[in-house]
Amino acid sequence: MAIIIDGKPYELISKVAQQLGVTRVTLYRASKLGLIPFVRVGRNRLIDLEAAQRFVREIYRRDLAEAMKRTWRKRKRKSKVKEK
């Protein structure tokens, strides 16, 4: 159940991570870096749901795809070296 603060829905990081298919650590780091706004309520950190969705869609997935491309390029180079 999202909490509305200043007209924006905020949710626990663990629930948002589960909904978006990313790890809690990813969202904690993004909030710590200021990429996702958050509010502390006691020990819990609530993050802006819309900002988290935007982060995953625009930043996280792009970075993940770029990292995968780099990995595949390295594997291709290694396989070419072994063939020679």
N, C-alpha and C. Protein backbone atom coordinates (compact mmCIF):
# COMPACT_ATOMS: atom_id res chain seq x y z
N MET A 1 0.84 -1.17 0.00
CA MET A 1 0.00 0.00 0.00
C MET A 1 0.90 1.24 0.00
N ALA A 2 0.79 2.05 -1.04
CA ALA A 2 1.61 3.24 -1.18
C ALA A 2 1.10 4.35 -0.27
N ILE A 3 2.04 5.15 0.21
CA ILE A 3 1.72 6.31 1.03
C ILE A 3 1.89 7.54 0.14
N ILE A 4 0.91 8.43 0.16
CA ILE A 4 0.96 9.63 -0.67
C ILE A 4 1.59 10.77 0.14
N ILE A 5 2.70 11.30 -0.36
CA ILE A 5 3.38 12.43 0.27
C ILE A 5 3.58 13.49 -0.82
N ASP A 6 3.06 14.67 -0.60
CA ASP A 6 3.13 15.76 -1.58
C ASP A 6 2.58 15.34 -2.94
N GLY A 7 1.56 14.53 -2.93
CA GLY A 7 0.91 14.11 -4.17
C GLY A 7 1.63 13.00 -4.92
N LYS A 8 2.70 12.46 -4.35
CA LYS A 8 3.45 11.38 -5.00
C LYS A 8 3.37 10.12 -4.16
N PRO A 9 3.22 8.95 -4.82
CA PRO A 9 3.17 7.69 -4.06
C PRO A 9 4.58 7.24 -3.64
N TYR A 10 4.72 6.91 -2.37
CA TYR A 10 5.98 6.38 -1.83
C TYR A 10 5.71 4.97 -1.31
N GLU A 11 6.72 4.10 -1.48
CA GLU A 11 6.57 2.70 -1.09
C GLU A 11 7.89 2.20 -0.51
N LEU A 12 7.84 1.13 0.28
CA LEU A 12 9.05 0.52 0.83
C LEU A 12 9.94 0.00 -0.30
N ILE A 13 11.23 0.14 -0.10
CA ILE A 13 12.18 -0.28 -1.13
C ILE A 13 12.03 -1.77 -1.45
N SER A 14 11.84 -2.59 -0.45
CA SER A 14 11.73 -4.04 -0.69
C SER A 14 10.54 -4.36 -1.60
N LYS A 15 9.42 -3.69 -1.40
CA LYS A 15 8.24 -3.95 -2.23
C LYS A 15 8.43 -3.45 -3.65
N VAL A 16 9.04 -2.28 -3.80
CA VAL A 16 9.29 -1.72 -5.13
C VAL A 16 10.28 -2.60 -5.89
N ALA A 17 11.31 -3.07 -5.20
CA ALA A 17 12.29 -3.94 -5.83
C ALA A 17 11.63 -5.21 -6.35
N GLN A 18 10.76 -5.78 -5.57
CA GLN A 18 10.06 -6.99 -5.97
C GLN A 18 9.16 -6.72 -7.18
N GLN A 19 8.46 -5.59 -7.18
CA GLN A 19 7.57 -5.24 -8.28
C GLN A 19 8.33 -5.00 -9.58
N LEU A 20 9.51 -4.35 -9.48
CA LEU A 20 10.25 -3.97 -10.68
C LEU A 20 11.27 -5.02 -11.13
N GLY A 21 11.49 -6.03 -10.30
CA GLY A 21 12.41 -7.10 -10.69
C GLY A 21 13.88 -6.73 -10.57
N VAL A 22 14.20 -5.87 -9.61
CA VAL A 22 15.59 -5.51 -9.34
C VAL A 22 15.87 -5.82 -7.87
N THR A 23 17.13 -5.72 -7.48
CA THR A 23 17.47 -6.01 -6.09
C THR A 23 17.24 -4.79 -5.21
N ARG A 24 17.07 -5.04 -3.93
CA ARG A 24 16.93 -3.94 -2.97
C ARG A 24 18.19 -3.09 -2.94
N VAL A 25 19.33 -3.74 -3.06
CA VAL A 25 20.61 -3.04 -3.01
C VAL A 25 20.70 -2.01 -4.14
N THR A 26 20.22 -2.37 -5.32
CA THR A 26 20.23 -1.45 -6.45
C THR A 26 19.44 -0.19 -6.12
N LEU A 27 18.26 -0.35 -5.54
CA LEU A 27 17.43 0.80 -5.22
C LEU A 27 18.00 1.59 -4.04
N TYR A 28 18.61 0.91 -3.05
CA TYR A 28 19.25 1.62 -1.94
C TYR A 28 20.39 2.49 -2.47
N ARG A 29 21.21 1.94 -3.35
CA ARG A 29 22.33 2.70 -3.90
C ARG A 29 21.84 3.90 -4.71
N ALA A 30 20.81 3.69 -5.52
CA ALA A 30 20.27 4.77 -6.33
C ALA A 30 19.71 5.88 -5.45
N SER A 31 19.05 5.51 -4.37
CA SER A 31 18.51 6.54 -3.47
C SER A 31 19.64 7.25 -2.73
N LYS A 32 20.67 6.51 -2.37
CA LYS A 32 21.82 7.12 -1.69
C LYS A 32 22.56 8.10 -2.60
N LEU A 33 22.62 7.78 -3.90
CA LEU A 33 23.27 8.66 -4.87
C LEU A 33 22.39 9.83 -5.29
N GLY A 34 21.13 9.82 -4.86
CA GLY A 34 20.23 10.91 -5.19
C GLY A 34 19.48 10.73 -6.50
N LEU A 35 19.54 9.53 -7.08
CA LEU A 35 18.84 9.26 -8.33
C LEU A 35 17.36 9.02 -8.12
N ILE A 36 16.99 8.59 -6.91
CA ILE A 36 15.59 8.34 -6.56
C ILE A 36 15.32 9.07 -5.24
N PRO A 37 14.32 9.96 -5.22
CA PRO A 37 13.99 10.64 -3.95
C PRO A 37 13.43 9.66 -2.92
N PHE A 38 13.76 9.87 -1.67
CA PHE A 38 13.27 8.99 -0.61
C PHE A 38 12.93 9.78 0.64
N VAL A 39 12.16 9.13 1.51
CA VAL A 39 11.77 9.70 2.80
C VAL A 39 12.02 8.62 3.85
N ARG A 40 12.63 9.01 4.95
CA ARG A 40 12.83 8.06 6.05
C ARG A 40 11.65 8.15 7.00
N VAL A 41 11.12 6.98 7.34
CA VAL A 41 10.06 6.88 8.34
C VAL A 41 10.54 5.85 9.34
N GLY A 42 11.06 6.32 10.47
CA GLY A 42 11.67 5.41 11.44
C GLY A 42 12.90 4.77 10.83
N ARG A 43 12.94 3.45 10.84
CA ARG A 43 14.06 2.72 10.24
C ARG A 43 13.86 2.47 8.75
N ASN A 44 12.65 2.68 8.27
CA ASN A 44 12.32 2.37 6.87
C ASN A 44 12.62 3.53 5.94
N ARG A 45 12.98 3.18 4.73
CA ARG A 45 13.21 4.17 3.69
C ARG A 45 12.14 3.96 2.62
N LEU A 46 11.33 4.99 2.41
CA LEU A 46 10.30 4.94 1.40
C LEU A 46 10.79 5.70 0.17
N ILE A 47 10.62 5.12 -1.00
CA ILE A 47 11.09 5.79 -2.21
C ILE A 47 9.90 6.16 -3.10
N ASP A 48 10.11 7.18 -3.90
CA ASP A 48 9.11 7.65 -4.84
C ASP A 48 8.91 6.56 -5.90
N LEU A 49 7.71 6.04 -5.98
CA LEU A 49 7.41 4.91 -6.86
C LEU A 49 7.62 5.26 -8.33
N GLU A 50 7.16 6.43 -8.75
CA GLU A 50 7.30 6.83 -10.15
C GLU A 50 8.76 7.06 -10.52
N ALA A 51 9.52 7.67 -9.62
CA ALA A 51 10.95 7.90 -9.87
C ALA A 51 11.71 6.58 -9.95
N ALA A 52 11.32 5.61 -9.12
CA ALA A 52 11.97 4.30 -9.16
C ALA A 52 11.70 3.60 -10.48
N GLN A 53 10.47 3.68 -10.96
CA GLN A 53 10.14 3.08 -12.26
C GLN A 53 10.93 3.75 -13.37
N ARG A 54 11.03 5.06 -13.33
CA ARG A 54 11.79 5.80 -14.34
C ARG A 54 13.28 5.41 -14.28
N PHE A 55 13.83 5.30 -13.06
CA PHE A 55 15.22 4.91 -12.90
C PHE A 55 15.49 3.55 -13.52
N VAL A 56 14.64 2.58 -13.23
CA VAL A 56 14.84 1.22 -13.75
C VAL A 56 14.73 1.22 -15.27
N ARG A 57 13.75 1.92 -15.79
CA ARG A 57 13.51 1.94 -17.23
C ARG A 57 14.61 2.68 -17.99
N GLU A 58 15.03 3.83 -17.50
CA GLU A 58 15.94 4.68 -18.25
C GLU A 58 17.42 4.50 -17.93
N ILE A 59 17.75 4.20 -16.69
CA ILE A 59 19.16 4.14 -16.29
C ILE A 59 19.63 2.72 -16.05
N TYR A 60 18.94 1.99 -15.17
CA TYR A 60 19.41 0.67 -14.77
C TYR A 60 19.45 -0.31 -15.94
N ARG A 61 18.39 -0.40 -16.70
CA ARG A 61 18.35 -1.35 -17.82
C ARG A 61 19.39 -1.01 -18.88
N ARG A 62 19.59 0.30 -19.14
CA ARG A 62 20.59 0.71 -20.13
C ARG A 62 21.99 0.31 -19.66
N ASP A 63 22.30 0.59 -18.39
CA ASP A 63 23.61 0.24 -17.86
C ASP A 63 23.83 -1.27 -17.87
N LEU A 64 22.79 -2.03 -17.56
CA LEU A 64 22.88 -3.48 -17.57
C LEU A 64 23.15 -3.99 -18.98
N ALA A 65 22.46 -3.42 -19.97
CA ALA A 65 22.66 -3.83 -21.37
C ALA A 65 24.08 -3.51 -21.83
N GLU A 66 24.60 -2.34 -21.44
CA GLU A 66 25.96 -1.98 -21.82
C GLU A 66 26.97 -2.91 -21.17
N ALA A 67 26.75 -3.28 -19.93
CA ALA A 67 27.66 -4.20 -19.25
C ALA A 67 27.65 -5.57 -19.92
N MET A 68 26.46 -6.01 -20.35
CA MET A 68 26.37 -7.30 -21.03
C MET A 68 27.09 -7.25 -22.37
N LYS A 69 26.99 -6.14 -23.09
CA LYS A 69 27.70 -6.00 -24.38
C LYS A 69 29.20 -6.09 -24.16
N ARG A 70 29.71 -5.41 -23.12
CA ARG A 70 31.15 -5.47 -22.84
C ARG A 70 31.59 -6.89 -22.54
N THR A 71 30.79 -7.61 -21.78
CA THR A 71 31.12 -9.00 -21.45
C THR A 71 31.18 -9.86 -22.69
N TRP A 72 30.20 -9.71 -23.57
CA TRP A 72 30.18 -10.51 -24.79
C TRP A 72 31.35 -10.16 -25.70
N ARG A 73 31.73 -8.89 -25.76
CA ARG A 73 32.89 -8.51 -26.58
C ARG A 73 34.16 -9.18 -26.05
N LYS A 74 34.32 -9.19 -24.73
CA LYS A 74 35.49 -9.84 -24.14
C LYS A 74 35.50 -11.32 -24.47
N ARG A 75 34.35 -11.97 -24.38
CA ARG A 75 34.28 -13.40 -24.68
C ARG A 75 34.59 -13.67 -26.13
N LYS A 76 34.12 -12.79 -27.03
CA LYS A 76 34.42 -12.96 -28.45
C LYS A 76 35.92 -12.86 -28.69
N ARG A 77 36.55 -11.85 -28.07
CA ARG A 77 37.99 -11.68 -28.24
C ARG A 77 38.75 -12.89 -27.73
N LYS A 78 38.36 -13.42 -26.59
CA LYS A 78 39.03 -14.58 -26.01
C LYS A 78 38.87 -15.80 -26.91
N SER A 79 37.68 -15.98 -27.47
CA SER A 79 37.48 -17.14 -28.34
C SER A 79 38.28 -17.00 -29.63
N LYS A 80 38.45 -15.79 -30.15
CA LYS A 80 39.24 -15.59 -31.36
C LYS A 80 40.70 -15.87 -31.08
N VAL A 81 41.20 -15.49 -29.93
CA VAL A 81 42.58 -15.73 -29.56
C VAL A 81 42.84 -17.23 -29.42
N LYS A 82 41.89 -17.98 -28.85
CA LYS A 82 42.05 -19.42 -28.67
C LYS A 82 42.04 -20.15 -30.01
N GLU A 83 41.29 -19.64 -30.99
CA GLU A 83 41.21 -20.29 -32.30
C GLU A 83 42.51 -20.18 -33.07
N LYS A 84 43.25 -19.10 -32.87
CA LYS A 84 44.50 -18.89 -33.61
C LYS A 84 45.57 -19.77 -33.10
